[in-house]
Amino acid sequence: MRLLPKARLVLIFALFFALSAVSFAQVAVSITVAPPALPVYEQPPCPTEGFLWTPGYWNHGPVGYFWVPGLWVAPPRPGLLWTPGYWGFAGGAYAWHGGYWGPHVGFYGGVNYGFGYGGVGFYGGRWEGGAFRYNTAVMRVGPGFHGVYEDRAVINNTTVINHASFNGPGGVVAQPTAEERTAMNEQHVRQTSEQISHQNLARQDHSNWASFNHGNPSHPEGMGVNAREDRQQQRVGNGVKSGQLTPGETSRVERNEGKINKEVRTDRAANGGKLTPAEHRQVEHQQNKESRQIYRDKHNGKTDAHPKGEERK
């Protein structure tokens, strides 16, 4: 048998380990311990019109289960809705079925995530003419929203006591409806970069780890002002990189973020390193306002190449 050249041998080993890594990534999310129950929390208000709510969920990684708080996020494009991911029990193990964006909401295990996701379908709002209208009976919106309506009939149809976070024995026992099967076979769009970044930040926060909080996250509705600051900075960085934010817009955002951060440091210094509930609400209000401004700046037609919003030739 002729020996392979060293270079080819190295390549084969590299390919072997690469394939092994892929296989491990697929198997690593199949575990024998059920995820904790879904925590009960209050939905933070939507920071700006056009954002959709993606409910919180338990993910799994090297640290075990960790809570990923819900997130208001811009969909990849108008007309798309979010189908949450869910844990399903089969073959003696729990496996994660990732969420996705699509024209209709598909099967999410029958899990009651709340806020319009009662286990089947979605009742939090609808798209009309390229704009999203919010059902304020189950969705909490910010001040000044115009595209809203209230349909309280869905509350009675979706209210259940079970807070199980998985599909299977001991959790929620449900099968896809005909409509959900159709939606599952439609063309889908994966998580946005902001959703992925949000999940990574959640994993880094020890207070989200089930091994630390015993299934009861300290802030199930969000990750506090530090993580919010990181997400806003990433949004600004992405806007600068894509050219959606002009230098003037970037400078204004950075100044405002600096003022908020200084206020947080001052408040913490005066309270033994912590924020009071009132201070936390005030900072959240300011960050929501800044989030709306970032969104407007990134979608106002002005770019780094065209700071006055001229049409591109």
C-alpha atoms as a PDB file:
ATOM      1  CA  MET A   1       0.000   0.000   0.000  1.00  0.00           C
ATOM      2  CA  ARG A   2       1.399   3.355  -1.051  1.00  0.00           C
ATOM      3  CA  LEU A   3       1.655   5.918   1.743  1.00  0.00           C
ATOM      4  CA  LEU A   4      -0.220   9.177   1.256  1.00  0.00           C
ATOM      5  CA  PRO A   5       1.847  12.350   1.015  1.00  0.00           C
ATOM      6  CA  LYS A   6       1.945  14.245   4.286  1.00  0.00           C
ATOM      7  CA  ALA A   7      -0.100  17.147   2.942  1.00  0.00           C
ATOM      8  CA  ARG A   8      -2.908  14.874   1.821  1.00  0.00           C
ATOM      9  CA  LEU A   9      -2.834  13.043   5.134  1.00  0.00           C
ATOM     10  CA  VAL A  10      -3.169  16.296   7.050  1.00  0.00           C
ATOM     11  CA  LEU A  11      -6.069  17.307   4.824  1.00  0.00           C
ATOM     12  CA  ILE A  12      -7.902  14.050   5.476  1.00  0.00           C
ATOM     13  CA  PHE A  13      -7.474  14.403   9.242  1.00  0.00           C
ATOM     14  CA  ALA A  14      -8.695  18.006   9.073  1.00  0.00           C
ATOM     15  CA  LEU A  15     -11.775  16.933   7.102  1.00  0.00           C
ATOM     16  CA  PHE A  16     -12.428  14.103   9.561  1.00  0.00           C
ATOM     17  CA  PHE A  17     -12.366  16.417  12.564  1.00  0.00           C
ATOM     18  CA  ALA A  18     -14.473  18.999  10.749  1.00  0.00           C
ATOM     19  CA  LEU A  19     -17.155  16.396  10.041  1.00  0.00           C
ATOM     20  CA  SER A  20     -16.897  15.174  13.610  1.00  0.00           C
ATOM     21  CA  ALA A  21     -17.451  18.714  14.864  1.00  0.00           C
ATOM     22  CA  VAL A  22     -20.596  19.034  12.750  1.00  0.00           C
ATOM     23  CA  SER A  23     -21.905  15.714  14.014  1.00  0.00           C
ATOM     24  CA  PHE A  24     -21.145  16.679  17.606  1.00  0.00           C
ATOM     25  CA  ALA A  25     -22.946  19.992  17.203  1.00  0.00           C
ATOM     26  CA  GLN A  26     -26.031  18.126  16.050  1.00  0.00           C
ATOM     27  CA  VAL A  27     -25.881  15.569  18.855  1.00  0.00           C
ATOM     28  CA  ALA A  28     -24.903  18.003  21.602  1.00  0.00           C
ATOM     29  CA  VAL A  29     -28.410  19.494  21.744  1.00  0.00           C
ATOM     30  CA  SER A  30     -29.960  16.049  22.393  1.00  0.00           C
ATOM     31  CA  ILE A  31     -29.868  15.578  26.158  1.00  0.00           C
ATOM     32  CA  THR A  32     -31.643  13.412  28.716  1.00  0.00           C
ATOM     33  CA  VAL A  33     -32.593  16.149  31.208  1.00  0.00           C
ATOM     34  CA  ALA A  34     -35.735  18.178  30.531  1.00  0.00           C
ATOM     35  CA  PRO A  35     -35.443  21.968  30.276  1.00  0.00           C
ATOM     36  CA  PRO A  36     -36.856  23.991  33.203  1.00  0.00           C
ATOM     37  CA  ALA A  37     -40.367  25.396  33.096  1.00  0.00           C
ATOM     38  CA  LEU A  38     -40.890  28.727  31.382  1.00  0.00           C
ATOM     39  CA  PRO A  39     -40.627  31.602  33.863  1.00  0.00           C
ATOM     40  CA  VAL A  40     -43.504  34.041  34.228  1.00  0.00           C
ATOM     41  CA  TYR A  41     -42.514  37.589  33.311  1.00  0.00           C
ATOM     42  CA  GLU A  42     -43.864  40.879  32.022  1.00  0.00           C
ATOM     43  CA  GLN A  43     -43.174  41.740  28.419  1.00  0.00           C
ATOM     44  CA  PRO A  44     -41.080  44.902  27.978  1.00  0.00           C
ATOM     45  CA  PRO A  45     -42.713  47.486  25.694  1.00  0.00           C
ATOM     46  CA  CYS A  46     -41.921  47.420  21.982  1.00  0.00           C
ATOM     47  CA  PRO A  47     -39.246  50.096  21.383  1.00  0.00           C
ATOM     48  CA  THR A  48     -40.379  51.059  17.882  1.00  0.00           C
ATOM     49  CA  GLU A  49     -43.094  50.254  15.345  1.00  0.00           C
ATOM     50  CA  GLY A  50     -42.200  47.435  12.993  1.00  0.00           C
ATOM     51  CA  PHE A  51     -40.349  45.309  15.564  1.00  0.00           C
ATOM     52  CA  LEU A  52     -41.723  41.854  16.371  1.00  0.00           C
ATOM     53  CA  TRP A  53     -41.535  39.946  19.646  1.00  0.00           C
ATOM     54  CA  THR A  54     -39.476  36.755  19.751  1.00  0.00           C
ATOM     55  CA  PRO A  55     -40.323  35.043  23.066  1.00  0.00           C
ATOM     56  CA  GLY A  56     -37.778  33.878  25.627  1.00  0.00           C
ATOM     57  CA  TYR A  57     -36.668  30.250  25.711  1.00  0.00           C
ATOM     58  CA  TRP A  58     -34.253  27.835  27.362  1.00  0.00           C
ATOM     59  CA  ASN A  59     -31.196  27.039  25.262  1.00  0.00           C
ATOM     60  CA  HIS A  60     -28.425  24.554  26.001  1.00  0.00           C
ATOM     61  CA  GLY A  61     -24.659  24.729  25.738  1.00  0.00           C
ATOM     62  CA  PRO A  62     -21.463  23.878  27.622  1.00  0.00           C
ATOM     63  CA  VAL A  63     -22.944  25.587  30.698  1.00  0.00           C
ATOM     64  CA  GLY A  64     -26.095  23.447  30.531  1.00  0.00           C
ATOM     65  CA  TYR A  65     -29.459  25.107  30.131  1.00  0.00           C
ATOM     66  CA  PHE A  66     -29.469  28.896  30.029  1.00  0.00           C
ATOM     67  CA  TRP A  67     -32.326  31.335  29.650  1.00  0.00           C
ATOM     68  CA  VAL A  68     -32.472  33.532  26.558  1.00  0.00           C
ATOM     69  CA  PRO A  69     -34.840  36.437  27.317  1.00  0.00           C
ATOM     70  CA  GLY A  70     -37.391  37.527  24.741  1.00  0.00           C
ATOM     71  CA  LEU A  71     -36.342  40.162  22.256  1.00  0.00           C
ATOM     72  CA  TRP A  72     -38.053  42.826  20.183  1.00  0.00           C
ATOM     73  CA  VAL A  73     -36.314  42.650  16.823  1.00  0.00           C
ATOM     74  CA  ALA A  74     -36.740  43.873  13.258  1.00  0.00           C
ATOM     75  CA  PRO A  75     -37.776  41.006  10.965  1.00  0.00           C
ATOM     76  CA  PRO A  76     -35.539  40.299   7.948  1.00  0.00           C
ATOM     77  CA  ARG A  77     -38.200  41.944   5.772  1.00  0.00           C
ATOM     78  CA  PRO A  78     -41.838  43.071   6.083  1.00  0.00           C
ATOM     79  CA  GLY A  79     -44.448  40.343   5.933  1.00  0.00           C
ATOM     80  CA  LEU A  80     -42.471  37.735   7.854  1.00  0.00           C
ATOM     81  CA  LEU A  81     -43.528  36.247  11.202  1.00  0.00           C
ATOM     82  CA  TRP A  82     -41.466  34.414  13.806  1.00  0.00           C
ATOM     83  CA  THR A  83     -42.017  30.746  14.626  1.00  0.00           C
ATOM     84  CA  PRO A  84     -40.350  30.080  18.018  1.00  0.00           C
ATOM     85  CA  GLY A  85     -38.055  27.115  18.513  1.00  0.00           C
ATOM     86  CA  TYR A  86     -38.992  24.357  20.948  1.00  0.00           C
ATOM     87  CA  TRP A  87     -37.649  21.309  22.752  1.00  0.00           C
ATOM     88  CA  GLY A  88     -39.097  17.950  21.742  1.00  0.00           C
ATOM     89  CA  PHE A  89     -38.707  14.594  23.507  1.00  0.00           C
ATOM     90  CA  ALA A  90     -38.141  11.556  21.278  1.00  0.00           C
ATOM     91  CA  GLY A  91     -35.984   8.459  21.435  1.00  0.00           C
ATOM     92  CA  GLY A  92     -35.164   9.015  25.084  1.00  0.00           C
ATOM     93  CA  ALA A  93     -33.649  12.476  24.612  1.00  0.00           C
ATOM     94  CA  TYR A  94     -34.615  16.135  24.306  1.00  0.00           C
ATOM     95  CA  ALA A  95     -33.734  17.788  20.999  1.00  0.00           C
ATOM     96  CA  TRP A  96     -33.963  21.445  20.052  1.00  0.00           C
ATOM     97  CA  HIS A  97     -35.948  22.491  16.967  1.00  0.00           C
ATOM     98  CA  GLY A  98     -34.766  25.955  15.986  1.00  0.00           C
ATOM     99  CA  GLY A  99     -37.078  28.862  15.223  1.00  0.00           C
ATOM    100  CA  TYR A 100     -37.368  30.626  11.882  1.00  0.00           C
ATOM    101  CA  TRP A 101     -38.960  33.528   9.995  1.00  0.00           C
ATOM    102  CA  GLY A 102     -41.636  32.832   7.405  1.00  0.00           C
ATOM    103  CA  PRO A 103     -44.896  34.149   5.916  1.00  0.00           C
ATOM    104  CA  HIS A 104     -46.907  32.060   8.405  1.00  0.00           C
ATOM    105  CA  VAL A 105     -46.291  30.698  11.898  1.00  0.00           C
ATOM    106  CA  GLY A 106     -45.582  26.979  11.937  1.00  0.00           C
ATOM    107  CA  PHE A 107     -45.475  24.341  14.671  1.00  0.00           C
ATOM    108  CA  TYR A 108     -43.623  25.276  17.875  1.00  0.00           C
ATOM    109  CA  GLY A 109     -44.379  22.207  19.934  1.00  0.00           C
ATOM    110  CA  GLY A 110     -47.636  23.434  21.404  1.00  0.00           C
ATOM    111  CA  VAL A 111     -45.582  25.363  23.972  1.00  0.00           C
ATOM    112  CA  ASN A 112     -47.390  28.369  25.447  1.00  0.00           C
ATOM    113  CA  TYR A 113     -44.781  31.135  25.239  1.00  0.00           C
ATOM    114  CA  GLY A 114     -47.383  33.824  25.874  1.00  0.00           C
ATOM    115  CA  PHE A 115     -47.737  37.235  24.233  1.00  0.00           C
ATOM    116  CA  GLY A 116     -49.670  35.895  21.269  1.00  0.00           C
ATOM    117  CA  TYR A 117     -47.910  32.525  21.137  1.00  0.00           C
ATOM    118  CA  GLY A 118     -50.455  30.409  23.005  1.00  0.00           C
ATOM    119  CA  GLY A 119     -49.272  27.050  21.663  1.00  0.00           C
ATOM    120  CA  VAL A 120     -50.970  27.153  18.261  1.00  0.00           C
ATOM    121  CA  GLY A 121     -50.643  29.995  15.760  1.00  0.00           C
ATOM    122  CA  PHE A 122     -49.984  33.623  16.607  1.00  0.00           C
ATOM    123  CA  TYR A 123     -52.449  36.227  17.886  1.00  0.00           C
ATOM    124  CA  GLY A 124     -50.127  39.133  18.670  1.00  0.00           C
ATOM    125  CA  GLY A 125     -50.822  41.078  15.497  1.00  0.00           C
ATOM    126  CA  ARG A 126     -50.841  40.975  11.707  1.00  0.00           C
ATOM    127  CA  TRP A 127     -49.239  42.551   8.665  1.00  0.00           C
ATOM    128  CA  GLU A 128     -51.327  45.014   6.686  1.00  0.00           C
ATOM    129  CA  GLY A 129     -49.984  46.906   3.697  1.00  0.00           C
ATOM    130  CA  GLY A 130     -46.357  46.439   4.688  1.00  0.00           C
ATOM    131  CA  ALA A 131     -46.936  47.632   8.271  1.00  0.00           C
ATOM    132  CA  PHE A 132     -47.403  45.488  11.358  1.00  0.00           C
ATOM    133  CA  ARG A 133     -50.501  46.069  13.496  1.00  0.00           C
ATOM    134  CA  TYR A 134     -50.207  45.053  17.151  1.00  0.00           C
ATOM    135  CA  ASN A 135     -52.934  43.358  19.168  1.00  0.00           C
ATOM    136  CA  THR A 136     -52.624  45.268  22.440  1.00  0.00           C
ATOM    137  CA  ALA A 137     -54.660  42.629  24.255  1.00  0.00           C
ATOM    138  CA  VAL A 138     -51.533  40.446  24.321  1.00  0.00           C
ATOM    139  CA  MET A 139     -48.725  42.735  23.116  1.00  0.00           C
ATOM    140  CA  ARG A 140     -47.239  45.632  25.066  1.00  0.00           C
ATOM    141  CA  VAL A 141     -46.344  48.515  22.763  1.00  0.00           C
ATOM    142  CA  GLY A 142     -44.573  51.783  23.402  1.00  0.00           C
ATOM    143  CA  PRO A 143     -46.143  55.259  23.397  1.00  0.00           C
ATOM    144  CA  GLY A 144     -47.376  56.825  20.188  1.00  0.00           C
ATOM    145  CA  PHE A 145     -47.990  53.601  18.256  1.00  0.00           C
ATOM    146  CA  HIS A 146     -50.568  53.977  15.484  1.00  0.00           C
ATOM    147  CA  GLY A 147     -50.971  50.479  14.038  1.00  0.00           C
ATOM    148  CA  VAL A 148     -52.759  48.841  16.966  1.00  0.00           C
ATOM    149  CA  TYR A 149     -56.030  47.066  17.691  1.00  0.00           C
ATOM    150  CA  GLU A 150     -57.445  45.053  20.584  1.00  0.00           C
ATOM    151  CA  ASP A 151     -58.860  41.554  20.311  1.00  0.00           C
ATOM    152  CA  ARG A 152     -59.379  40.184  23.803  1.00  0.00           C
ATOM    153  CA  ALA A 153     -61.186  37.073  22.569  1.00  0.00           C
ATOM    154  CA  VAL A 154     -57.833  35.371  21.943  1.00  0.00           C
ATOM    155  CA  ILE A 155     -56.926  35.582  25.643  1.00  0.00           C
ATOM    156  CA  ASN A 156     -59.511  33.002  26.652  1.00  0.00           C
ATOM    157  CA  ASN A 157     -58.489  30.788  23.753  1.00  0.00           C
ATOM    158  CA  THR A 158     -54.801  30.712  24.631  1.00  0.00           C
ATOM    159  CA  THR A 159     -54.636  30.897  28.433  1.00  0.00           C
ATOM    160  CA  VAL A 160     -53.330  27.657  29.975  1.00  0.00           C
ATOM    161  CA  ILE A 161     -51.773  26.804  33.321  1.00  0.00           C
ATOM    162  CA  ASN A 162     -49.039  24.574  31.914  1.00  0.00           C
ATOM    163  CA  HIS A 163     -45.698  26.409  31.743  1.00  0.00           C
ATOM    164  CA  ALA A 164     -43.793  23.415  30.348  1.00  0.00           C
ATOM    165  CA  SER A 165     -41.055  24.379  27.920  1.00  0.00           C
ATOM    166  CA  PHE A 166     -40.988  21.176  25.876  1.00  0.00           C
ATOM    167  CA  ASN A 167     -43.157  18.869  23.808  1.00  0.00           C
ATOM    168  CA  GLY A 168     -43.451  15.326  25.096  1.00  0.00           C
ATOM    169  CA  PRO A 169     -44.431  13.224  28.130  1.00  0.00           C
ATOM    170  CA  GLY A 170     -44.484  15.403  31.245  1.00  0.00           C
ATOM    171  CA  GLY A 171     -44.652  18.535  29.122  1.00  0.00           C
ATOM    172  CA  VAL A 172     -46.994  19.548  26.318  1.00  0.00           C
ATOM    173  CA  VAL A 173     -48.381  16.788  24.123  1.00  0.00           C
ATOM    174  CA  ALA A 174     -49.259  18.281  20.737  1.00  0.00           C
ATOM    175  CA  GLN A 175     -49.047  17.480  17.037  1.00  0.00           C
ATOM    176  CA  PRO A 176     -48.845  19.917  14.107  1.00  0.00           C
ATOM    177  CA  THR A 177     -52.141  21.021  12.599  1.00  0.00           C
ATOM    178  CA  ALA A 178     -52.674  20.939   8.841  1.00  0.00           C
ATOM    179  CA  GLU A 179     -52.017  24.693   8.666  1.00  0.00           C
ATOM    180  CA  GLU A 180     -48.823  24.341  10.676  1.00  0.00           C
ATOM    181  CA  ARG A 181     -47.568  21.546   8.436  1.00  0.00           C
ATOM    182  CA  THR A 182     -48.111  23.773   5.427  1.00  0.00           C
ATOM    183  CA  ALA A 183     -46.234  26.625   7.127  1.00  0.00           C
ATOM    184  CA  MET A 184     -43.383  24.272   8.053  1.00  0.00           C
ATOM    185  CA  ASN A 185     -42.833  23.502   4.346  1.00  0.00           C
ATOM    186  CA  GLU A 186     -42.703  27.142   3.252  1.00  0.00           C
ATOM    187  CA  GLN A 187     -39.490  28.991   2.500  1.00  0.00           C
ATOM    188  CA  HIS A 188     -37.896  30.120   5.758  1.00  0.00           C
ATOM    189  CA  VAL A 189     -35.312  32.669   6.878  1.00  0.00           C
ATOM    190  CA  ARG A 190     -32.935  31.891   9.721  1.00  0.00           C
ATOM    191  CA  GLN A 191     -32.334  33.964  12.856  1.00  0.00           C
ATOM    192  CA  THR A 192     -31.097  37.493  12.276  1.00  0.00           C
ATOM    193  CA  SER A 193     -27.615  38.510  13.382  1.00  0.00           C
ATOM    194  CA  GLU A 194     -29.179  40.461  16.255  1.00  0.00           C
ATOM    195  CA  GLN A 195     -30.993  37.358  17.493  1.00  0.00           C
ATOM    196  CA  ILE A 196     -27.782  35.325  17.363  1.00  0.00           C
ATOM    197  CA  SER A 197     -25.858  38.038  19.186  1.00  0.00           C
ATOM    198  CA  HIS A 198     -28.609  38.233  21.805  1.00  0.00           C
ATOM    199  CA  GLN A 199     -28.385  34.482  22.405  1.00  0.00           C
ATOM    200  CA  ASN A 200     -24.592  34.636  22.764  1.00  0.00           C
ATOM    201  CA  LEU A 201     -24.838  37.454  25.293  1.00  0.00           C
ATOM    202  CA  ALA A 202     -27.432  35.493  27.266  1.00  0.00           C
ATOM    203  CA  ARG A 203     -25.087  32.527  27.500  1.00  0.00           C
ATOM    204  CA  GLN A 204     -22.313  34.722  28.910  1.00  0.00           C
ATOM    205  CA  ASP A 205     -24.511  36.072  31.724  1.00  0.00           C
ATOM    206  CA  HIS A 206     -24.230  33.670  34.693  1.00  0.00           C
ATOM    207  CA  SER A 207     -27.575  34.813  36.084  1.00  0.00           C
ATOM    208  CA  ASN A 208     -29.240  33.152  33.077  1.00  0.00           C
ATOM    209  CA  TRP A 209     -27.690  29.734  33.778  1.00  0.00           C
ATOM    210  CA  ALA A 210     -30.110  27.166  35.186  1.00  0.00           C
ATOM    211  CA  SER A 211     -27.242  25.773  37.274  1.00  0.00           C
ATOM    212  CA  PHE A 212     -26.989  29.213  38.891  1.00  0.00           C
ATOM    213  CA  ASN A 213     -30.637  30.330  39.097  1.00  0.00           C
ATOM    214  CA  HIS A 214     -32.218  26.851  39.533  1.00  0.00           C
ATOM    215  CA  GLY A 215     -34.666  27.555  36.737  1.00  0.00           C
ATOM    216  CA  ASN A 216     -35.668  31.019  37.966  1.00  0.00           C
ATOM    217  CA  PRO A 217     -33.753  33.750  36.095  1.00  0.00           C
ATOM    218  CA  SER A 218     -33.366  37.005  38.008  1.00  0.00           C
ATOM    219  CA  HIS A 219     -34.466  39.042  34.992  1.00  0.00           C
ATOM    220  CA  PRO A 220     -36.462  36.729  32.715  1.00  0.00           C
ATOM    221  CA  GLU A 221     -37.800  39.745  30.832  1.00  0.00           C
ATOM    222  CA  GLY A 222     -34.311  40.938  29.853  1.00  0.00           C
ATOM    223  CA  MET A 223     -30.633  40.869  30.692  1.00  0.00           C
ATOM    224  CA  GLY A 224     -30.215  44.183  32.413  1.00  0.00           C
ATOM    225  CA  VAL A 225     -28.734  47.444  31.241  1.00  0.00           C
ATOM    226  CA  ASN A 226     -25.233  46.103  30.533  1.00  0.00           C
ATOM    227  CA  ALA A 227     -26.398  43.541  27.980  1.00  0.00           C
ATOM    228  CA  ARG A 228     -28.780  46.111  26.504  1.00  0.00           C
ATOM    229  CA  GLU A 229     -25.866  48.506  26.125  1.00  0.00           C
ATOM    230  CA  ASP A 230     -23.835  45.808  24.354  1.00  0.00           C
ATOM    231  CA  ARG A 231     -26.666  45.072  21.932  1.00  0.00           C
ATOM    232  CA  GLN A 232     -27.141  48.757  21.119  1.00  0.00           C
ATOM    233  CA  GLN A 233     -23.414  49.154  20.500  1.00  0.00           C
ATOM    234  CA  GLN A 234     -23.481  46.175  18.155  1.00  0.00           C
ATOM    235  CA  ARG A 235     -26.403  47.685  16.275  1.00  0.00           C
ATOM    236  CA  VAL A 236     -24.458  50.929  15.895  1.00  0.00           C
ATOM    237  CA  GLY A 237     -21.366  49.009  14.771  1.00  0.00           C
ATOM    238  CA  ASN A 238     -23.387  47.106  12.181  1.00  0.00           C
ATOM    239  CA  GLY A 239     -24.933  50.366  10.980  1.00  0.00           C
ATOM    240  CA  VAL A 240     -21.513  51.951  10.541  1.00  0.00           C
ATOM    241  CA  LYS A 241     -20.165  48.881   8.754  1.00  0.00           C
ATOM    242  CA  SER A 242     -23.113  48.718   6.352  1.00  0.00           C
ATOM    243  CA  GLY A 243     -23.089  52.483   5.782  1.00  0.00           C
ATOM    244  CA  GLN A 244     -26.653  52.897   7.077  1.00  0.00           C
ATOM    245  CA  LEU A 245     -25.449  55.325   9.741  1.00  0.00           C
ATOM    246  CA  THR A 246     -23.759  58.545   8.703  1.00  0.00           C
ATOM    247  CA  PRO A 247     -20.845  59.928  10.781  1.00  0.00           C
ATOM    248  CA  GLY A 248     -23.167  62.595  12.184  1.00  0.00           C
ATOM    249  CA  GLU A 249     -25.803  60.051  13.186  1.00  0.00           C
ATOM    250  CA  THR A 250     -23.158  57.818  14.747  1.00  0.00           C
ATOM    251  CA  SER A 251     -21.705  60.681  16.784  1.00  0.00           C
ATOM    252  CA  ARG A 252     -25.140  61.651  18.074  1.00  0.00           C
ATOM    253  CA  VAL A 253     -25.935  58.082  19.115  1.00  0.00           C
ATOM    254  CA  GLU A 254     -22.564  57.687  20.826  1.00  0.00           C
ATOM    255  CA  ARG A 255     -23.075  60.910  22.785  1.00  0.00           C
ATOM    256  CA  ASN A 256     -26.493  59.801  23.964  1.00  0.00           C
ATOM    257  CA  GLU A 257     -25.221  56.332  24.884  1.00  0.00           C
ATOM    258  CA  GLY A 258     -22.362  57.957  26.812  1.00  0.00           C
ATOM    259  CA  LYS A 259     -24.818  60.056  28.842  1.00  0.00           C
ATOM    260  CA  ILE A 260     -26.902  56.996  29.702  1.00  0.00           C
ATOM    261  CA  ASN A 261     -23.836  54.981  30.712  1.00  0.00           C
ATOM    262  CA  LYS A 262     -22.562  57.837  32.886  1.00  0.00           C
ATOM    263  CA  GLU A 263     -25.933  58.049  34.615  1.00  0.00           C
ATOM    264  CA  VAL A 264     -25.869  54.297  35.263  1.00  0.00           C
ATOM    265  CA  ARG A 265     -22.383  54.475  36.785  1.00  0.00           C
ATOM    266  CA  THR A 266     -23.391  57.392  39.000  1.00  0.00           C
ATOM    267  CA  ASP A 267     -26.550  55.665  40.211  1.00  0.00           C
ATOM    268  CA  ARG A 268     -24.710  52.436  40.938  1.00  0.00           C
ATOM    269  CA  ALA A 269     -21.976  54.238  42.832  1.00  0.00           C
ATOM    270  CA  ALA A 270     -24.616  55.819  45.033  1.00  0.00           C
ATOM    271  CA  ASN A 271     -26.394  52.503  45.717  1.00  0.00           C
ATOM    272  CA  GLY A 272     -23.617  50.033  46.455  1.00  0.00           C
ATOM    273  CA  GLY A 273     -23.143  48.953  42.838  1.00  0.00           C
ATOM    274  CA  LYS A 274     -26.827  48.321  42.099  1.00  0.00           C
ATOM    275  CA  LEU A 275     -29.701  50.142  40.458  1.00  0.00           C
ATOM    276  CA  THR A 276     -32.966  50.660  42.281  1.00  0.00           C
ATOM    277  CA  PRO A 277     -36.127  49.442  40.493  1.00  0.00           C
ATOM    278  CA  ALA A 278     -37.046  53.038  39.689  1.00  0.00           C
ATOM    279  CA  GLU A 279     -33.571  53.745  38.278  1.00  0.00           C
ATOM    280  CA  HIS A 280     -33.696  50.552  36.239  1.00  0.00           C
ATOM    281  CA  ARG A 281     -37.042  51.573  34.715  1.00  0.00           C
ATOM    282  CA  GLN A 282     -35.675  55.033  33.937  1.00  0.00           C
ATOM    283  CA  VAL A 283     -32.636  53.588  32.152  1.00  0.00           C
ATOM    284  CA  GLU A 284     -34.846  51.148  30.222  1.00  0.00           C
ATOM    285  CA  HIS A 285     -36.998  54.095  29.132  1.00  0.00           C
ATOM    286  CA  GLN A 286     -33.936  55.995  27.916  1.00  0.00           C
ATOM    287  CA  GLN A 287     -32.524  52.953  26.130  1.00  0.00           C
ATOM    288  CA  ASN A 288     -35.875  52.306  24.439  1.00  0.00           C
ATOM    289  CA  LYS A 289     -35.885  55.902  23.220  1.00  0.00           C
ATOM    290  CA  GLU A 290     -32.344  55.505  21.923  1.00  0.00           C
ATOM    291  CA  SER A 291     -33.239  52.194  20.265  1.00  0.00           C
ATOM    292  CA  ARG A 292     -36.040  53.912  18.348  1.00  0.00           C
ATOM    293  CA  GLN A 293     -33.635  56.639  17.230  1.00  0.00           C
ATOM    294  CA  ILE A 294     -31.079  54.092  16.012  1.00  0.00           C
ATOM    295  CA  TYR A 295     -33.781  52.338  14.001  1.00  0.00           C
ATOM    296  CA  ARG A 296     -34.965  55.627  12.445  1.00  0.00           C
ATOM    297  CA  ASP A 297     -31.408  56.665  11.594  1.00  0.00           C
ATOM    298  CA  LYS A 298     -30.706  53.315   9.921  1.00  0.00           C
ATOM    299  CA  HIS A 299     -33.867  53.498   7.806  1.00  0.00           C
ATOM    300  CA  ASN A 300     -34.157  57.191   6.917  1.00  0.00           C
ATOM    301  CA  GLY A 301     -32.530  56.890   3.487  1.00  0.00           C
ATOM    302  CA  LYS A 302     -29.351  58.637   4.590  1.00  0.00           C
ATOM    303  CA  THR A 303     -26.148  56.620   4.305  1.00  0.00           C
ATOM    304  CA  ASP A 304     -22.457  57.159   4.788  1.00  0.00           C
ATOM    305  CA  ALA A 305     -22.080  57.533   1.019  1.00  0.00           C
ATOM    306  CA  HIS A 306     -25.195  59.734   0.730  1.00  0.00           C
ATOM    307  CA  PRO A 307     -25.436  61.717   4.009  1.00  0.00           C
ATOM    308  CA  LYS A 308     -28.230  63.915   2.652  1.00  0.00           C
ATOM    309  CA  GLY A 309     -30.293  61.003   1.461  1.00  0.00           C
ATOM    310  CA  GLU A 310     -29.682  61.524  -2.262  1.00  0.00           C
ATOM    311  CA  GLU A 311     -30.853  58.775  -4.526  1.00  0.00           C
ATOM    312  CA  ARG A 312     -28.088  56.504  -5.710  1.00  0.00           C
ATOM    313  CA  LYS A 313     -27.343  56.728  -9.442  1.00  0.00           C
END
